[in-house]
Amino acid sequence: MKIIKWITVSVFLFFWQNNIYAQTTTELVSKMINAINDFKTGKYVIDKIERIGDHNNTSEMIVKVQASPFKAYSYCVKPIPGIEILYVSGWNNNNAYIKPNQFPYVNLSLNPFGSTLRKDEHHTIPDMGFSYLGNILSDNIVKRTEEFYSSLSSDNEAEWKGKSYYKLTIDVANFGYVNYKVLNGENIYYIGKKLHLSDYMILSYNHLSDFDDVSPGQVIKVPNSYAKKIELYLDKDNYLPLVQIIYDEKGLFEQYEYNSFVLNPVISPEEFTPTYKDYKF
């Protein structure tokens, strides 16, 4: 009889303790948004998969980033080792400074939003970090509160490559495309930012050759939400989405995995200059 009572009490304590630590979907979203807003600096290795046309591009970059004022440095590990990119808001005429490590073998200054740097890339350099995703989610919460939360689910014990995370899943049942009439002065990048949508998804779906390849009055198709499905794996210590998997109607659209992540390290101002001792500009 004592053994049965002990088992009963143990089971009760187990579920009671787990309920203490189990967090609701709303709590996880709130903590993630707060963590993104509180992000100041980061060092990490990012592994990317992005669908370009009918195939997936993979890459690996070593990154340093500062949220405000925005500064970013990246070193390409693959596919072309040795490419370095430095972008500092307000410096170099707001152009990115690049060592291509291939022809023409001279450092370049390029518009971070231009077609050269955007070629076969889903995002711009100023999208590095977490604010891009945070702005999209915050916009959804404000404009589509009930619909947004009804599409959400969570898991307090989700594994990714042997590590335990909190997981948030956003599954948009009615995902599709709607008409949009281009206004004066707009390009695809601007439309994506304005509507909090993927500009690359708009570009790809409309079979456009460039982000400026639209005219006022032209009717294009834009998605009715950022993605059909988003899976976010939140670090259990800092609540940042260190694994982000995004799907459209065709399947995997993009995936970002933040490895060797260091939150809010001290980064000296010199590390965001081309003359820093570890760089090869």
Protein backbone atom coordinates (compact mmCIF):
# COMPACT_ATOMS: atom_id res chain seq x y z
CA MET A 1 0.00 0.00 0.00
CA LYS A 2 2.86 2.37 0.83
CA ILE A 3 4.50 1.57 -2.52
CA ILE A 4 1.28 2.46 -4.39
CA LYS A 5 1.00 5.74 -2.49
CA TRP A 6 4.65 6.54 -3.24
CA ILE A 7 4.09 5.89 -6.97
CA THR A 8 0.95 8.04 -6.95
CA VAL A 9 2.74 10.92 -5.24
CA SER A 10 5.73 10.59 -7.59
CA VAL A 11 3.53 10.68 -10.70
CA PHE A 12 1.69 13.70 -9.32
CA LEU A 13 4.96 15.51 -8.62
CA PHE A 14 6.29 14.66 -12.08
CA PHE A 15 3.30 16.19 -13.87
CA TRP A 16 3.16 19.13 -11.43
CA GLN A 17 6.81 19.97 -12.02
CA ASN A 18 6.47 19.65 -15.78
CA ASN A 19 3.39 21.87 -15.79
CA ILE A 20 5.40 24.54 -13.98
CA TYR A 21 7.95 24.61 -16.75
CA ALA A 22 5.57 23.99 -19.66
CA GLN A 23 4.82 27.27 -21.39
CA THR A 24 1.82 28.21 -23.44
CA THR A 25 2.06 29.16 -27.10
CA THR A 26 1.25 32.78 -26.27
CA GLU A 27 3.99 32.92 -23.64
CA LEU A 28 6.56 31.49 -26.05
CA VAL A 29 5.66 34.01 -28.75
CA SER A 30 5.87 36.89 -26.27
CA LYS A 31 9.26 35.77 -24.93
CA MET A 32 10.61 35.28 -28.44
CA ILE A 33 9.51 38.78 -29.55
CA ASN A 34 11.02 40.28 -26.39
CA ALA A 35 14.27 38.40 -26.98
CA ILE A 36 14.45 39.69 -30.57
CA ASN A 37 13.77 43.25 -29.40
CA ASP A 38 16.47 42.93 -26.71
CA PHE A 39 19.08 41.52 -29.11
CA LYS A 40 22.11 43.81 -29.28
CA THR A 41 25.03 41.88 -30.75
CA GLY A 42 25.72 38.36 -31.91
CA LYS A 43 28.44 36.11 -33.27
CA TYR A 44 27.47 32.90 -35.03
CA VAL A 45 27.86 30.58 -37.99
CA ILE A 46 24.78 30.52 -40.18
CA ASP A 47 23.97 27.60 -42.45
CA LYS A 48 21.48 28.55 -45.15
CA ILE A 49 19.31 26.68 -47.61
CA GLU A 50 17.42 28.85 -50.10
CA ARG A 51 15.41 27.72 -53.09
CA ILE A 52 16.55 29.50 -56.24
CA GLY A 53 14.51 28.53 -59.28
CA ASP A 54 14.10 24.76 -59.15
CA HIS A 55 17.09 23.94 -56.94
CA ASN A 56 18.33 24.66 -53.41
CA ASN A 57 21.40 26.80 -52.79
CA THR A 58 23.37 26.02 -49.63
CA SER A 59 25.91 28.27 -47.94
CA GLU A 60 27.74 28.76 -44.67
CA MET A 61 28.80 32.13 -43.28
CA ILE A 62 30.64 33.32 -40.17
CA VAL A 63 28.79 36.42 -38.97
CA LYS A 64 29.19 39.30 -36.53
CA VAL A 65 26.24 41.65 -36.22
CA GLN A 66 25.20 44.66 -34.18
CA ALA A 67 21.52 45.60 -34.11
CA SER A 68 21.71 49.38 -33.55
CA PRO A 69 23.24 51.21 -35.24
CA PHE A 70 23.27 48.32 -37.69
CA LYS A 71 26.67 46.82 -38.47
CA ALA A 72 27.49 43.46 -39.98
CA TYR A 73 30.54 41.49 -41.05
CA SER A 74 30.43 38.10 -42.76
CA TYR A 75 33.02 35.63 -44.00
CA CYS A 76 31.97 32.99 -46.51
CA VAL A 77 32.97 29.42 -45.64
CA LYS A 78 31.11 27.95 -48.60
CA PRO A 79 30.36 27.87 -51.50
CA ILE A 80 33.19 30.37 -52.25
CA PRO A 81 35.58 30.49 -49.26
CA GLY A 82 37.16 33.80 -48.42
CA ILE A 83 34.48 36.26 -49.55
CA GLU A 84 34.22 39.00 -46.94
CA ILE A 85 31.42 41.55 -46.64
CA LEU A 86 31.33 44.56 -44.33
CA TYR A 87 28.30 46.78 -43.98
CA VAL A 88 28.03 49.67 -41.52
CA SER A 89 24.98 51.89 -41.60
CA GLY A 90 26.00 55.41 -42.67
CA TRP A 91 29.52 54.41 -43.75
CA ASN A 92 30.86 54.03 -47.31
CA ASN A 93 27.82 55.86 -48.71
CA ASN A 94 25.70 53.08 -47.21
CA ASN A 95 27.27 50.61 -49.60
CA ALA A 96 28.55 47.18 -48.64
CA TYR A 97 32.32 46.76 -48.82
CA ILE A 98 33.27 43.43 -50.38
CA LYS A 99 36.33 41.32 -50.95
CA PRO A 100 35.10 38.95 -53.71
CA ASN A 101 38.13 36.60 -53.47
CA GLN A 102 37.63 35.90 -57.18
CA PHE A 103 37.61 37.96 -60.38
CA PRO A 104 37.95 40.99 -60.47
CA TYR A 105 40.18 40.45 -57.37
CA VAL A 106 39.71 44.00 -56.11
CA ASN A 107 37.55 45.24 -53.27
CA LEU A 108 34.13 46.49 -54.34
CA SER A 109 31.54 48.88 -52.94
CA LEU A 110 28.02 47.75 -53.87
CA ASN A 111 24.47 48.74 -53.07
CA PRO A 112 23.25 46.15 -50.51
CA PHE A 113 19.81 46.24 -52.14
CA GLY A 114 21.08 46.06 -55.72
CA SER A 115 20.74 43.18 -58.15
CA THR A 116 24.44 42.23 -57.98
CA LEU A 117 24.40 41.44 -54.26
CA ARG A 118 20.84 40.12 -54.38
CA LYS A 119 21.62 37.61 -57.13
CA ASP A 120 20.60 34.17 -55.86
CA GLU A 121 19.96 35.57 -52.37
CA HIS A 122 16.62 35.67 -50.57
CA HIS A 123 17.60 38.52 -48.25
CA THR A 124 19.65 41.71 -48.08
CA ILE A 125 22.62 42.27 -45.78
CA PRO A 126 20.58 44.57 -43.44
CA ASP A 127 18.22 41.59 -42.90
CA MET A 128 20.95 39.79 -40.92
CA GLY A 129 20.13 38.98 -37.33
CA PHE A 130 16.59 38.55 -36.04
CA SER A 131 14.81 41.87 -36.54
CA TYR A 132 13.58 40.93 -40.04
CA LEU A 133 11.65 37.93 -38.68
CA GLY A 134 10.60 39.86 -35.58
CA ASN A 135 9.04 42.63 -37.67
CA ILE A 136 7.10 40.11 -39.75
CA LEU A 137 5.71 38.33 -36.69
CA SER A 138 4.93 41.58 -34.86
CA ASP A 139 3.03 42.87 -37.91
CA ASN A 140 0.99 39.65 -38.00
CA ILE A 141 0.17 39.92 -34.31
CA VAL A 142 -1.07 43.51 -34.72
CA LYS A 143 -2.99 43.12 -37.99
CA ARG A 144 -4.18 39.49 -37.86
CA THR A 145 -4.28 38.76 -34.13
CA GLU A 146 -7.04 36.13 -34.01
CA GLU A 147 -6.07 34.50 -37.31
CA PHE A 148 -2.38 34.52 -36.37
CA TYR A 149 -2.85 32.82 -33.01
CA SER A 150 -5.31 30.30 -34.45
CA SER A 151 -2.58 29.19 -36.88
CA LEU A 152 -0.04 28.73 -34.07
CA SER A 153 0.96 25.61 -32.17
CA SER A 154 3.85 24.91 -29.83
CA ASP A 155 5.94 22.10 -28.41
CA ASN A 156 7.92 22.43 -25.19
CA GLU A 157 10.20 19.51 -26.09
CA ALA A 158 11.34 19.54 -29.71
CA GLU A 159 14.69 18.14 -30.80
CA TRP A 160 16.93 19.47 -33.56
CA LYS A 161 20.23 17.68 -34.20
CA GLY A 162 20.35 16.31 -30.69
CA LYS A 163 19.50 19.54 -28.85
CA SER A 164 16.24 20.33 -27.09
CA TYR A 165 14.31 23.45 -28.09
CA TYR A 166 10.93 25.06 -27.69
CA LYS A 167 9.16 24.90 -31.03
CA LEU A 168 6.63 27.26 -32.57
CA THR A 169 4.76 26.30 -35.73
CA ILE A 170 2.70 28.71 -37.81
CA ASP A 171 0.53 26.81 -40.29
CA VAL A 172 -1.53 29.01 -42.63
CA ALA A 173 -4.35 26.84 -44.00
CA ASN A 174 -5.58 29.42 -46.53
CA PHE A 175 -2.14 30.38 -47.90
CA GLY A 176 -2.34 31.65 -51.47
CA TYR A 177 -1.69 34.62 -53.75
CA VAL A 178 -3.72 37.77 -54.33
CA ASN A 179 -3.56 40.64 -56.81
CA TYR A 180 -1.54 43.75 -56.02
CA LYS A 181 -1.33 46.91 -58.16
CA VAL A 182 2.12 48.49 -58.14
CA LEU A 183 2.12 52.14 -57.03
CA ASN A 184 4.39 54.97 -58.18
CA GLY A 185 7.92 54.62 -56.91
CA GLU A 186 7.53 51.01 -55.80
CA ASN A 187 9.74 48.06 -56.60
CA ILE A 188 9.53 44.46 -55.38
CA TYR A 189 11.81 45.11 -52.40
CA TYR A 190 9.65 48.04 -51.26
CA ILE A 191 6.43 46.07 -51.69
CA GLY A 192 7.83 43.20 -49.63
CA LYS A 193 8.86 45.56 -46.82
CA LYS A 194 5.55 47.42 -46.90
CA LEU A 195 3.43 44.27 -46.73
CA HIS A 196 5.87 42.32 -44.51
CA LEU A 197 6.23 39.62 -47.15
CA SER A 198 9.19 37.89 -48.79
CA ASP A 199 10.26 40.08 -51.70
CA TYR A 200 12.13 37.13 -53.18
CA MET A 201 8.96 35.01 -53.08
CA ILE A 202 7.13 37.78 -54.96
CA LEU A 203 9.94 38.03 -57.49
CA SER A 204 10.05 34.28 -58.05
CA TYR A 205 6.29 33.68 -58.24
CA ASN A 206 5.83 36.43 -60.85
CA HIS A 207 8.84 35.23 -62.89
CA LEU A 208 10.45 38.67 -62.71
CA SER A 209 14.08 39.16 -63.69
CA ASP A 210 14.92 41.88 -61.18
CA PHE A 211 13.52 43.63 -58.11
CA ASP A 212 12.99 46.76 -60.23
CA ASP A 213 11.22 44.83 -62.99
CA VAL A 214 7.76 46.35 -62.34
CA SER A 215 5.92 49.48 -63.45
CA PRO A 216 3.24 51.67 -61.83
CA GLY A 217 -0.20 50.24 -62.47
CA GLN A 218 1.12 46.74 -63.15
CA VAL A 219 -0.84 43.99 -61.39
CA ILE A 220 1.27 41.26 -59.80
CA LYS A 221 0.57 38.41 -57.41
CA VAL A 222 1.69 38.60 -53.79
CA PRO A 223 1.27 35.96 -51.06
CA ASN A 224 -1.43 36.55 -48.46
CA SER A 225 1.03 35.78 -45.64
CA TYR A 226 4.78 35.46 -45.31
CA ALA A 227 4.71 31.69 -45.79
CA LYS A 228 2.44 28.68 -45.84
CA LYS A 229 4.24 27.21 -42.85
CA ILE A 230 6.97 28.43 -40.49
CA GLU A 231 8.78 26.26 -37.97
CA LEU A 232 10.84 28.07 -35.32
CA TYR A 233 13.10 26.31 -32.83
CA LEU A 234 13.68 28.60 -29.84
CA ASP A 235 16.79 28.30 -27.71
CA LYS A 236 15.71 27.35 -24.18
CA ASP A 237 18.08 29.84 -22.58
CA ASN A 238 17.53 32.96 -24.66
CA TYR A 239 14.27 32.26 -26.60
CA LEU A 240 15.78 33.34 -29.92
CA PRO A 241 14.72 31.34 -33.03
CA LEU A 242 18.05 29.68 -33.81
CA VAL A 243 16.49 27.37 -36.40
CA GLN A 244 14.00 28.81 -38.90
CA ILE A 245 12.33 26.64 -41.53
CA ILE A 246 9.97 28.30 -44.01
CA TYR A 247 7.69 26.60 -46.54
CA ASP A 248 5.59 27.85 -49.43
CA GLU A 249 3.06 25.91 -51.53
CA LYS A 250 5.89 23.96 -53.23
CA GLY A 251 7.67 22.83 -50.07
CA LEU A 252 10.86 24.08 -48.43
CA PHE A 253 11.48 27.70 -49.40
CA GLU A 254 14.30 28.68 -47.03
CA GLN A 255 16.04 27.41 -43.91
CA TYR A 256 18.41 29.18 -41.51
CA GLU A 257 20.36 27.49 -38.75
CA TYR A 258 22.40 29.57 -36.29
CA ASN A 259 25.32 27.55 -34.92
CA SER A 260 28.07 28.38 -32.40
CA PHE A 261 25.79 31.21 -31.32
CA VAL A 262 27.07 33.79 -28.82
CA LEU A 263 24.51 36.30 -27.56
CA ASN A 264 25.50 39.91 -26.85
CA PRO A 265 29.29 39.54 -26.91
CA VAL A 266 31.40 42.67 -26.66
CA ILE A 267 32.40 43.55 -30.23
CA SER A 268 34.97 46.30 -30.52
CA PRO A 269 34.36 49.12 -33.03
CA GLU A 270 37.49 48.00 -34.89
CA GLU A 271 35.79 44.72 -35.80
CA PHE A 272 33.45 46.66 -38.06
CA THR A 273 36.25 48.30 -40.03
CA PRO A 274 38.04 46.92 -43.11
CA THR A 275 41.46 47.35 -41.44
CA TYR A 276 40.71 44.98 -38.55
CA LYS A 277 43.66 42.63 -38.02
CA ASP A 278 41.74 39.39 -38.76
CA TYR A 279 40.29 40.53 -42.08
CA LYS A 280 41.80 40.29 -45.54
CA PHE A 281 40.21 43.25 -47.32
